[in-house]
Amino acid sequence: TRMARHTSAAISAQQTAAFSPTAAEDGTVFYINYSGKGMDVTLEGLPIGWRAKFFNTGSGSVNFISTTGSVLGIGAASSSEFMVEAICIATNTYFVG
């Protein structure tokens, strides 16, 4: 399994603490350690069947959003530790849980 690490320093250097996975990152486990007010994971334009796991160890909240589609399941995850899987189940439709 591939691992992408997004630490608090790396995320806070991005605009509005946002992150968008790409189609090439199918099967990735994303490790998030963000201790700010919160961050958005934007799911956009991913192919049907795409999936990734998100493991949060930080104290900041993580919100799963899509500006062009729908996010089913958990739209906003709490700021406690969690692991969820995001799956593209139809065009611009994602399940997170």
PDB file of N, CA and C in Angstrom:
ATOM      1  N   THR A   1       0.843  -1.180   0.000  1.00  0.00           N
ATOM      2  CA  THR A   1       0.000   0.000   0.000  1.00  0.00           C
ATOM      3  C   THR A   1       0.885   1.239   0.000  1.00  0.00           C
ATOM      4  N   ARG A   2       0.539   2.204  -0.831  1.00  0.00           N
ATOM      5  CA  ARG A   2       1.277   3.462  -0.850  1.00  0.00           C
ATOM      6  C   ARG A   2       0.842   4.310   0.334  1.00  0.00           C
ATOM      7  N   MET A   3       1.715   5.151   0.797  1.00  0.00           N
ATOM      8  CA  MET A   3       1.407   6.012   1.932  1.00  0.00           C
ATOM      9  C   MET A   3       1.736   7.445   1.567  1.00  0.00           C
ATOM     10  N   ALA A   4       0.807   8.338   1.781  1.00  0.00           N
ATOM     11  CA  ALA A   4       1.071   9.764   1.609  1.00  0.00           C
ATOM     12  C   ALA A   4       0.960  10.416   2.969  1.00  0.00           C
ATOM     13  N   ARG A   5       1.953  11.185   3.348  1.00  0.00           N
ATOM     14  CA  ARG A   5       1.952  11.818   4.662  1.00  0.00           C
ATOM     15  C   ARG A   5       1.671  13.305   4.504  1.00  0.00           C
ATOM     16  N   HIS A   6       0.696  13.783   5.244  1.00  0.00           N
ATOM     17  CA  HIS A   6       0.355  15.193   5.219  1.00  0.00           C
ATOM     18  C   HIS A   6       0.406  15.698   6.653  1.00  0.00           C
ATOM     19  N   THR A   7       1.514  16.311   6.995  1.00  0.00           N
ATOM     20  CA  THR A   7       1.685  16.767   8.371  1.00  0.00           C
ATOM     21  C   THR A   7       1.092  18.156   8.549  1.00  0.00           C
ATOM     22  N   SER A   8       0.977  18.586   9.768  1.00  0.00           N
ATOM     23  CA  SER A   8       0.374  19.892  10.032  1.00  0.00           C
ATOM     24  C   SER A   8       1.132  21.001   9.317  1.00  0.00           C
ATOM     25  N   ALA A   9       2.443  20.920   9.255  1.00  0.00           N
ATOM     26  CA  ALA A   9       3.226  21.956   8.579  1.00  0.00           C
ATOM     27  C   ALA A   9       2.941  21.966   7.079  1.00  0.00           C
ATOM     28  N   ALA A  10       2.845  20.795   6.468  1.00  0.00           N
ATOM     29  CA  ALA A  10       2.602  20.720   5.028  1.00  0.00           C
ATOM     30  C   ALA A  10       1.197  21.180   4.675  1.00  0.00           C
ATOM     31  N   ILE A  11       0.218  20.787   5.455  1.00  0.00           N
ATOM     32  CA  ILE A  11      -1.166  21.158   5.164  1.00  0.00           C
ATOM     33  C   ILE A  11      -1.374  22.652   5.385  1.00  0.00           C
ATOM     34  N   SER A  12      -0.858  23.190   6.474  1.00  0.00           N
ATOM     35  CA  SER A  12      -1.106  24.600   6.757  1.00  0.00           C
ATOM     36  C   SER A  12      -0.404  25.506   5.752  1.00  0.00           C
ATOM     37  N   ALA A  13       0.543  24.985   5.011  1.00  0.00           N
ATOM     38  CA  ALA A  13       1.200  25.763   3.972  1.00  0.00           C
ATOM     39  C   ALA A  13       0.321  25.875   2.731  1.00  0.00           C
ATOM     40  N   GLN A  14      -0.704  25.043   2.624  1.00  0.00           N
ATOM     41  CA  GLN A  14      -1.618  25.093   1.494  1.00  0.00           C
ATOM     42  C   GLN A  14      -2.743  26.068   1.803  1.00  0.00           C
ATOM     43  N   GLN A  15      -3.374  26.576   0.764  1.00  0.00           N
ATOM     44  CA  GLN A  15      -4.477  27.515   0.969  1.00  0.00           C
ATOM     45  C   GLN A  15      -5.632  26.840   1.693  1.00  0.00           C
ATOM     46  N   THR A  16      -6.158  27.476   2.670  1.00  0.00           N
ATOM     47  CA  THR A  16      -7.315  27.050   3.461  1.00  0.00           C
ATOM     48  C   THR A  16      -7.234  25.601   3.930  1.00  0.00           C
ATOM     49  N   ALA A  17      -6.048  25.082   4.095  1.00  0.00           N
ATOM     50  CA  ALA A  17      -5.851  23.719   4.595  1.00  0.00           C
ATOM     51  C   ALA A  17      -6.690  22.715   3.827  1.00  0.00           C
ATOM     52  N   ALA A  18      -6.647  22.783   2.507  1.00  0.00           N
ATOM     53  CA  ALA A  18      -7.445  21.894   1.664  1.00  0.00           C
ATOM     54  C   ALA A  18      -6.554  20.860   0.985  1.00  0.00           C
ATOM     55  N   PHE A  19      -7.138  19.725   0.659  1.00  0.00           N
ATOM     56  CA  PHE A  19      -6.402  18.651   0.001  1.00  0.00           C
ATOM     57  C   PHE A  19      -7.334  17.943  -0.969  1.00  0.00           C
ATOM     58  N   SER A  20      -6.853  17.671  -2.174  1.00  0.00           N
ATOM     59  CA  SER A  20      -7.636  16.952  -3.185  1.00  0.00           C
ATOM     60  C   SER A  20      -6.838  15.763  -3.699  1.00  0.00           C
ATOM     61  N   PRO A  21      -7.270  14.532  -3.380  1.00  0.00           N
ATOM     62  CA  PRO A  21      -6.569  13.366  -3.923  1.00  0.00           C
ATOM     63  C   PRO A  21      -6.778  13.273  -5.428  1.00  0.00           C
ATOM     64  N   THR A  22      -5.867  12.593  -6.107  1.00  0.00           N
ATOM     65  CA  THR A  22      -5.937  12.438  -7.551  1.00  0.00           C
ATOM     66  C   THR A  22      -6.291  11.005  -7.928  1.00  0.00           C
ATOM     67  N   ALA A  23      -6.672  10.806  -9.188  1.00  0.00           N
ATOM     68  CA  ALA A  23      -7.013   9.468  -9.682  1.00  0.00           C
ATOM     69  C   ALA A  23      -5.831   8.512  -9.547  1.00  0.00           C
ATOM     70  N   ALA A  24      -4.613   9.021  -9.688  1.00  0.00           N
ATOM     71  CA  ALA A  24      -3.415   8.181  -9.586  1.00  0.00           C
ATOM     72  C   ALA A  24      -3.184   7.660  -8.172  1.00  0.00           C
ATOM     73  N   GLU A  25      -3.850   8.258  -7.185  1.00  0.00           N
ATOM     74  CA  GLU A  25      -3.668   7.842  -5.796  1.00  0.00           C
ATOM     75  C   GLU A  25      -4.684   6.797  -5.348  1.00  0.00           C
ATOM     76  N   ASP A  26      -5.282   6.099  -6.284  1.00  0.00           N
ATOM     77  CA  ASP A  26      -6.196   4.995  -5.982  1.00  0.00           C
ATOM     78  C   ASP A  26      -5.459   3.975  -5.116  1.00  0.00           C
ATOM     79  N   GLY A  27      -6.062   3.573  -4.004  1.00  0.00           N
ATOM     80  CA  GLY A  27      -5.451   2.589  -3.111  1.00  0.00           C
ATOM     81  C   GLY A  27      -4.511   3.172  -2.076  1.00  0.00           C
ATOM     82  N   THR A  28      -4.365   4.471  -2.037  1.00  0.00           N
ATOM     83  CA  THR A  28      -3.452   5.119  -1.097  1.00  0.00           C
ATOM     84  C   THR A  28      -4.066   5.179   0.303  1.00  0.00           C
ATOM     85  N   VAL A  29      -3.214   5.091   1.301  1.00  0.00           N
ATOM     86  CA  VAL A  29      -3.614   5.392   2.679  1.00  0.00           C
ATOM     87  C   VAL A  29      -3.047   6.772   2.999  1.00  0.00           C
ATOM     88  N   PHE A  30      -3.929   7.719   3.297  1.00  0.00           N
ATOM     89  CA  PHE A  30      -3.502   9.072   3.621  1.00  0.00           C
ATOM     90  C   PHE A  30      -3.442   9.230   5.131  1.00  0.00           C
ATOM     91  N   TYR A  31      -2.291   9.595   5.602  1.00  0.00           N
ATOM     92  CA  TYR A  31      -2.066   9.838   7.031  1.00  0.00           C
ATOM     93  C   TYR A  31      -2.183  11.342   7.249  1.00  0.00           C
ATOM     94  N   ILE A  32      -3.133  11.764   8.052  1.00  0.00           N
ATOM     95  CA  ILE A  32      -3.370  13.178   8.291  1.00  0.00           C
ATOM     96  C   ILE A  32      -3.063  13.499   9.745  1.00  0.00           C
ATOM     97  N   ASN A  33      -2.181  14.438   9.950  1.00  0.00           N
ATOM     98  CA  ASN A  33      -1.847  14.881  11.299  1.00  0.00           C
ATOM     99  C   ASN A  33      -1.954  16.395  11.292  1.00  0.00           C
ATOM    100  N   TYR A  34      -3.188  16.887  11.323  1.00  0.00           N
ATOM    101  CA  TYR A  34      -3.442  18.322  11.213  1.00  0.00           C
ATOM    102  C   TYR A  34      -4.042  18.816  12.521  1.00  0.00           C
ATOM    103  N   SER A  35      -3.412  19.797  13.133  1.00  0.00           N
ATOM    104  CA  SER A  35      -3.862  20.270  14.442  1.00  0.00           C
ATOM    105  C   SER A  35      -4.441  21.670  14.400  1.00  0.00           C
ATOM    106  N   GLY A  36      -4.844  22.122  13.226  1.00  0.00           N
ATOM    107  CA  GLY A  36      -5.444  23.451  13.106  1.00  0.00           C
ATOM    108  C   GLY A  36      -6.929  23.397  13.384  1.00  0.00           C
ATOM    109  N   LYS A  37      -7.661  24.376  12.861  1.00  0.00           N
ATOM    110  CA  LYS A  37      -9.100  24.448  13.085  1.00  0.00           C
ATOM    111  C   LYS A  37      -9.857  23.392  12.296  1.00  0.00           C
ATOM    112  N   GLY A  38      -9.299  22.939  11.212  1.00  0.00           N
ATOM    113  CA  GLY A  38      -9.959  21.936  10.380  1.00  0.00           C
ATOM    114  C   GLY A  38      -9.452  21.997   8.958  1.00  0.00           C
ATOM    115  N   MET A  39      -9.701  20.942   8.208  1.00  0.00           N
ATOM    116  CA  MET A  39      -9.281  20.912   6.814  1.00  0.00           C
ATOM    117  C   MET A  39     -10.345  20.224   5.982  1.00  0.00           C
ATOM    118  N   ASP A  40     -10.350  20.516   4.690  1.00  0.00           N
ATOM    119  CA  ASP A  40     -11.274  19.900   3.754  1.00  0.00           C
ATOM    120  C   ASP A  40     -10.530  18.936   2.845  1.00  0.00           C
ATOM    121  N   VAL A  41     -11.101  17.750   2.660  1.00  0.00           N
ATOM    122  CA  VAL A  41     -10.643  16.812   1.640  1.00  0.00           C
ATOM    123  C   VAL A  41     -11.702  16.872   0.545  1.00  0.00           C
ATOM    124  N   THR A  42     -11.333  17.406  -0.615  1.00  0.00           N
ATOM    125  CA  THR A  42     -12.277  17.589  -1.708  1.00  0.00           C
ATOM    126  C   THR A  42     -12.162  16.431  -2.685  1.00  0.00           C
ATOM    127  N   LEU A  43     -13.271  15.726  -2.863  1.00  0.00           N
ATOM    128  CA  LEU A  43     -13.333  14.581  -3.768  1.00  0.00           C
ATOM    129  C   LEU A  43     -13.964  15.055  -5.070  1.00  0.00           C
ATOM    130  N   GLU A  44     -13.165  15.133  -6.137  1.00  0.00           N
ATOM    131  CA  GLU A  44     -13.620  15.672  -7.414  1.00  0.00           C
ATOM    132  C   GLU A  44     -13.025  14.875  -8.574  1.00  0.00           C
ATOM    133  N   GLY A  45     -13.831  14.557  -9.553  1.00  0.00           N
ATOM    134  CA  GLY A  45     -13.348  14.000 -10.809  1.00  0.00           C
ATOM    135  C   GLY A  45     -12.628  12.667 -10.706  1.00  0.00           C
ATOM    136  N   LEU A  46     -12.943  11.880  -9.705  1.00  0.00           N
ATOM    137  CA  LEU A  46     -12.276  10.585  -9.530  1.00  0.00           C
ATOM    138  C   LEU A  46     -13.057   9.501 -10.269  1.00  0.00           C
ATOM    139  N   PRO A  47     -12.376   8.489 -10.803  1.00  0.00           N
ATOM    140  CA  PRO A  47     -13.066   7.454 -11.565  1.00  0.00           C
ATOM    141  C   PRO A  47     -13.894   6.530 -10.666  1.00  0.00           C
ATOM    142  N   ILE A  48     -14.954   5.981 -11.219  1.00  0.00           N
ATOM    143  CA  ILE A  48     -15.789   5.027 -10.481  1.00  0.00           C
ATOM    144  C   ILE A  48     -14.910   3.854 -10.041  1.00  0.00           C
ATOM    145  N   GLY A  49     -15.031   3.485  -8.787  1.00  0.00           N
ATOM    146  CA  GLY A  49     -14.217   2.411  -8.224  1.00  0.00           C
ATOM    147  C   GLY A  49     -12.982   2.906  -7.483  1.00  0.00           C
ATOM    148  N   TRP A  50     -12.651   4.177  -7.650  1.00  0.00           N
ATOM    149  CA  TRP A  50     -11.504   4.740  -6.935  1.00  0.00           C
ATOM    150  C   TRP A  50     -11.766   4.650  -5.437  1.00  0.00           C
ATOM    151  N   ARG A  51     -10.720   4.315  -4.668  1.00  0.00           N
ATOM    152  CA  ARG A  51     -10.871   4.243  -3.211  1.00  0.00           C
ATOM    153  C   ARG A  51      -9.550   4.564  -2.530  1.00  0.00           C
ATOM    154  N   ALA A  52      -9.669   5.121  -1.334  1.00  0.00           N
ATOM    155  CA  ALA A  52      -8.502   5.419  -0.514  1.00  0.00           C
ATOM    156  C   ALA A  52      -8.932   5.440   0.944  1.00  0.00           C
ATOM    157  N   LYS A  53      -7.978   5.212   1.823  1.00  0.00           N
ATOM    158  CA  LYS A  53      -8.246   5.272   3.262  1.00  0.00           C
ATOM    159  C   LYS A  53      -7.621   6.539   3.824  1.00  0.00           C
ATOM    160  N   PHE A  54      -8.297   7.107   4.813  1.00  0.00           N
ATOM    161  CA  PHE A  54      -7.832   8.316   5.466  1.00  0.00           C
ATOM    162  C   PHE A  54      -7.720   8.040   6.955  1.00  0.00           C
ATOM    163  N   PHE A  55      -6.524   8.201   7.481  1.00  0.00           N
ATOM    164  CA  PHE A  55      -6.250   7.938   8.888  1.00  0.00           C
ATOM    165  C   PHE A  55      -5.885   9.263   9.545  1.00  0.00           C
ATOM    166  N   ASN A  56      -6.740   9.748  10.434  1.00  0.00           N
ATOM    167  CA  ASN A  56      -6.519  11.027  11.101  1.00  0.00           C
ATOM    168  C   ASN A  56      -5.983  10.802  12.501  1.00  0.00           C
ATOM    169  N   THR A  57      -4.845  11.395  12.800  1.00  0.00           N
ATOM    170  CA  THR A  57      -4.289  11.324  14.150  1.00  0.00           C
ATOM    171  C   THR A  57      -4.197  12.706  14.786  1.00  0.00           C
ATOM    172  N   GLY A  58      -4.585  13.746  14.062  1.00  0.00           N
ATOM    173  CA  GLY A  58      -4.468  15.110  14.572  1.00  0.00           C
ATOM    174  C   GLY A  58      -5.685  15.535  15.371  1.00  0.00           C
ATOM    175  N   SER A  59      -5.613  16.748  15.893  1.00  0.00           N
ATOM    176  CA  SER A  59      -6.721  17.272  16.692  1.00  0.00           C
ATOM    177  C   SER A  59      -7.647  18.167  15.868  1.00  0.00           C
ATOM    178  N   GLY A  60      -7.312  18.428  14.615  1.00  0.00           N
ATOM    179  CA  GLY A  60      -8.180  19.236  13.753  1.00  0.00           C
ATOM    180  C   GLY A  60      -9.235  18.371  13.092  1.00  0.00           C
ATOM    181  N   SER A  61     -10.402  18.969  12.810  1.00  0.00           N
ATOM    182  CA  SER A  61     -11.465  18.205  12.151  1.00  0.00           C
ATOM    183  C   SER A  61     -11.154  18.055  10.662  1.00  0.00           C
ATOM    184  N   VAL A  62     -11.685  17.014  10.053  1.00  0.00           N
ATOM    185  CA  VAL A  62     -11.494  16.740   8.631  1.00  0.00           C
ATOM    186  C   VAL A  62     -12.872  16.615   8.001  1.00  0.00           C
ATOM    187  N   ASN A  63     -13.135  17.409   6.962  1.00  0.00           N
ATOM    188  CA  ASN A  63     -14.417  17.406   6.269  1.00  0.00           C
ATOM    189  C   ASN A  63     -14.239  16.851   4.863  1.00  0.00           C
ATOM    190  N   PHE A  64     -15.077  15.910   4.475  1.00  0.00           N
ATOM    191  CA  PHE A  64     -15.052  15.339   3.127  1.00  0.00           C
ATOM    192  C   PHE A  64     -16.146  16.023   2.322  1.00  0.00           C
ATOM    193  N   ILE A  65     -15.757  16.707   1.245  1.00  0.00           N
ATOM    194  CA  ILE A  65     -16.705  17.484   0.463  1.00  0.00           C
ATOM    195  C   ILE A  65     -16.531  17.219  -1.028  1.00  0.00           C
ATOM    196  N   SER A  66     -17.520  17.609  -1.806  1.00  0.00           N
ATOM    197  CA  SER A  66     -17.446  17.605  -3.265  1.00  0.00           C
ATOM    198  C   SER A  66     -18.253  18.795  -3.758  1.00  0.00           C
ATOM    199  N   THR A  67     -17.633  19.663  -4.538  1.00  0.00           N
ATOM    200  CA  THR A  67     -18.338  20.851  -5.020  1.00  0.00           C
ATOM    201  C   THR A  67     -19.178  20.553  -6.268  1.00  0.00           C
ATOM    202  N   THR A  68     -18.877  19.452  -6.952  1.00  0.00           N
ATOM    203  CA  THR A  68     -19.625  19.108  -8.165  1.00  0.00           C
ATOM    204  C   THR A  68     -20.463  17.850  -8.012  1.00  0.00           C
ATOM    205  N   GLY A  69     -20.377  17.186  -6.872  1.00  0.00           N
ATOM    206  CA  GLY A  69     -21.098  15.932  -6.691  1.00  0.00           C
ATOM    207  C   GLY A  69     -21.632  15.786  -5.278  1.00  0.00           C
ATOM    208  N   SER A  70     -21.789  14.545  -4.862  1.00  0.00           N
ATOM    209  CA  SER A  70     -22.367  14.240  -3.556  1.00  0.00           C
ATOM    210  C   SER A  70     -21.413  13.378  -2.742  1.00  0.00           C
ATOM    211  N   VAL A  71     -21.398  13.624  -1.432  1.00  0.00           N
ATOM    212  CA  VAL A  71     -20.659  12.787  -0.497  1.00  0.00           C
ATOM    213  C   VAL A  71     -21.682  12.142   0.425  1.00  0.00           C
ATOM    214  N   LEU A  72     -21.764  10.824   0.398  1.00  0.00           N
ATOM    215  CA  LEU A  72     -22.690  10.066   1.232  1.00  0.00           C
ATOM    216  C   LEU A  72     -21.927   9.488   2.411  1.00  0.00           C
ATOM    217  N   GLY A  73     -22.633   9.107   3.453  1.00  0.00           N
ATOM    218  CA  GLY A  73     -21.978   8.556   4.632  1.00  0.00           C
ATOM    219  C   GLY A  73     -21.525   9.691   5.524  1.00  0.00           C
ATOM    220  N   ILE A  74     -20.253   9.710   5.857  1.00  0.00           N
ATOM    221  CA  ILE A  74     -19.704  10.741   6.731  1.00  0.00           C
ATOM    222  C   ILE A  74     -19.286  11.920   5.871  1.00  0.00           C
ATOM    223  N   GLY A  75     -19.952  13.051   6.019  1.00  0.00           N
ATOM    224  CA  GLY A  75     -19.525  14.246   5.305  1.00  0.00           C
ATOM    225  C   GLY A  75     -18.465  14.983   6.089  1.00  0.00           C
ATOM    226  N   ALA A  76     -18.642  15.026   7.393  1.00  0.00           N
ATOM    227  CA  ALA A  76     -17.672  15.683   8.262  1.00  0.00           C
ATOM    228  C   ALA A  76     -17.274  14.702   9.350  1.00  0.00           C
ATOM    229  N   ALA A  77     -16.006  14.485   9.484  1.00  0.00           N
ATOM    230  CA  ALA A  77     -15.517  13.581  10.517  1.00  0.00           C
ATOM    231  C   ALA A  77     -15.098  14.400  11.732  1.00  0.00           C
ATOM    232  N   SER A  78     -15.258  13.834  12.895  1.00  0.00           N
ATOM    233  CA  SER A  78     -14.918  14.553  14.122  1.00  0.00           C
ATOM    234  C   SER A  78     -13.411  14.739  14.231  1.00  0.00           C
ATOM    235  N   SER A  79     -13.021  15.517  15.204  1.00  0.00           N
ATOM    236  CA  SER A  79     -11.599  15.799  15.378  1.00  0.00           C
ATOM    237  C   SER A  79     -10.877  14.720  16.179  1.00  0.00           C
ATOM    238  N   SER A  80     -11.579  13.685  16.587  1.00  0.00           N
ATOM    239  CA  SER A  80     -10.892  12.600  17.273  1.00  0.00           C
ATOM    240  C   SER A  80     -10.248  11.693  16.227  1.00  0.00           C
ATOM    241  N   GLU A  81      -9.414  10.778  16.664  1.00  0.00           N
ATOM    242  CA  GLU A  81      -8.752   9.876  15.725  1.00  0.00           C
ATOM    243  C   GLU A  81      -9.783   9.006  15.015  1.00  0.00           C
ATOM    244  N   PHE A  82      -9.556   8.765  13.727  1.00  0.00           N
ATOM    245  CA  PHE A  82     -10.458   7.902  12.973  1.00  0.00           C
ATOM    246  C   PHE A  82      -9.765   7.361  11.738  1.00  0.00           C
ATOM    247  N   MET A  83     -10.323   6.303  11.190  1.00  0.00           N
ATOM    248  CA  MET A  83      -9.917   5.812   9.877  1.00  0.00           C
ATOM    249  C   MET A  83     -11.191   5.578   9.094  1.00  0.00           C
ATOM    250  N   VAL A  84     -11.272   6.132   7.890  1.00  0.00           N
ATOM    251  CA  VAL A  84     -12.417   5.935   7.012  1.00  0.00           C
ATOM    252  C   VAL A  84     -11.907   5.583   5.624  1.00  0.00           C
ATOM    253  N   GLU A  85     -12.789   5.031   4.824  1.00  0.00           N
ATOM    254  CA  GLU A  85     -12.468   4.749   3.428  1.00  0.00           C
ATOM    255  C   GLU A  85     -13.406   5.568   2.561  1.00  0.00           C
ATOM    256  N   ALA A  86     -12.852   6.185   1.535  1.00  0.00           N
ATOM    257  CA  ALA A  86     -13.636   6.932   0.559  1.00  0.00           C
ATOM    258  C   ALA A  86     -13.659   6.128  -0.738  1.00  0.00           C
ATOM    259  N   ILE A  87     -14.857   5.986  -1.320  1.00  0.00           N
ATOM    260  CA  ILE A  87     -15.023   5.206  -2.549  1.00  0.00           C
ATOM    261  C   ILE A  87     -15.877   6.006  -3.521  1.00  0.00           C
ATOM    262  N   CYS A  88     -15.453   6.063  -4.776  1.00  0.00           N
ATOM    263  CA  CYS A  88     -16.281   6.683  -5.810  1.00  0.00           C
ATOM    264  C   CYS A  88     -17.244   5.608  -6.306  1.00  0.00           C
ATOM    265  N   ILE A  89     -18.538   5.769  -5.999  1.00  0.00           N
ATOM    266  CA  ILE A  89     -19.516   4.721  -6.319  1.00  0.00           C
ATOM    267  C   ILE A  89     -20.306   4.997  -7.603  1.00  0.00           C
ATOM    268  N   ALA A  90     -20.272   6.219  -8.082  1.00  0.00           N
ATOM    269  CA  ALA A  90     -20.909   6.614  -9.347  1.00  0.00           C
ATOM    270  C   ALA A  90     -20.269   7.931  -9.769  1.00  0.00           C
ATOM    271  N   THR A  91     -20.560   8.390 -10.962  1.00  0.00           N
ATOM    272  CA  THR A  91     -19.978   9.646 -11.420  1.00  0.00           C
ATOM    273  C   THR A  91     -20.288  10.767 -10.433  1.00  0.00           C
ATOM    274  N   ASN A  92     -19.221  11.371  -9.911  1.00  0.00           N
ATOM    275  CA  ASN A  92     -19.324  12.468  -8.941  1.00  0.00           C
ATOM    276  C   ASN A  92     -20.114  12.120  -7.678  1.00  0.00           C
ATOM    277  N   THR A  93     -20.128  10.844  -7.303  1.00  0.00           N
ATOM    278  CA  THR A  93     -20.807  10.407  -6.085  1.00  0.00           C
ATOM    279  C   THR A  93     -19.828   9.569  -5.269  1.00  0.00           C
ATOM    280  N   TYR A  94     -19.640   9.963  -4.020  1.00  0.00           N
ATOM    281  CA  TYR A  94     -18.629   9.334  -3.167  1.00  0.00           C
ATOM    282  C   TYR A  94     -19.268   8.859  -1.870  1.00  0.00           C
ATOM    283  N   PHE A  95     -18.803   7.712  -1.390  1.00  0.00           N
ATOM    284  CA  PHE A  95     -19.229   7.217  -0.080  1.00  0.00           C
ATOM    285  C   PHE A  95     -18.009   7.275   0.829  1.00  0.00           C
ATOM    286  N   VAL A  96     -18.169   7.846   2.013  1.00  0.00           N
ATOM    287  CA  VAL A  96     -17.096   7.906   2.998  1.00  0.00           C
ATOM    288  C   VAL A  96     -17.623   7.279   4.282  1.00  0.00           C
ATOM    289  N   GLY A  97     -16.969   6.264   4.754  1.00  0.00           N
ATOM    290  CA  GLY A  97     -17.394   5.616   5.977  1.00  0.00           C
ATOM    291  C   GLY A  97     -16.422   4.584   6.469  1.00  0.00           C
TER     292      GLY A  97
END
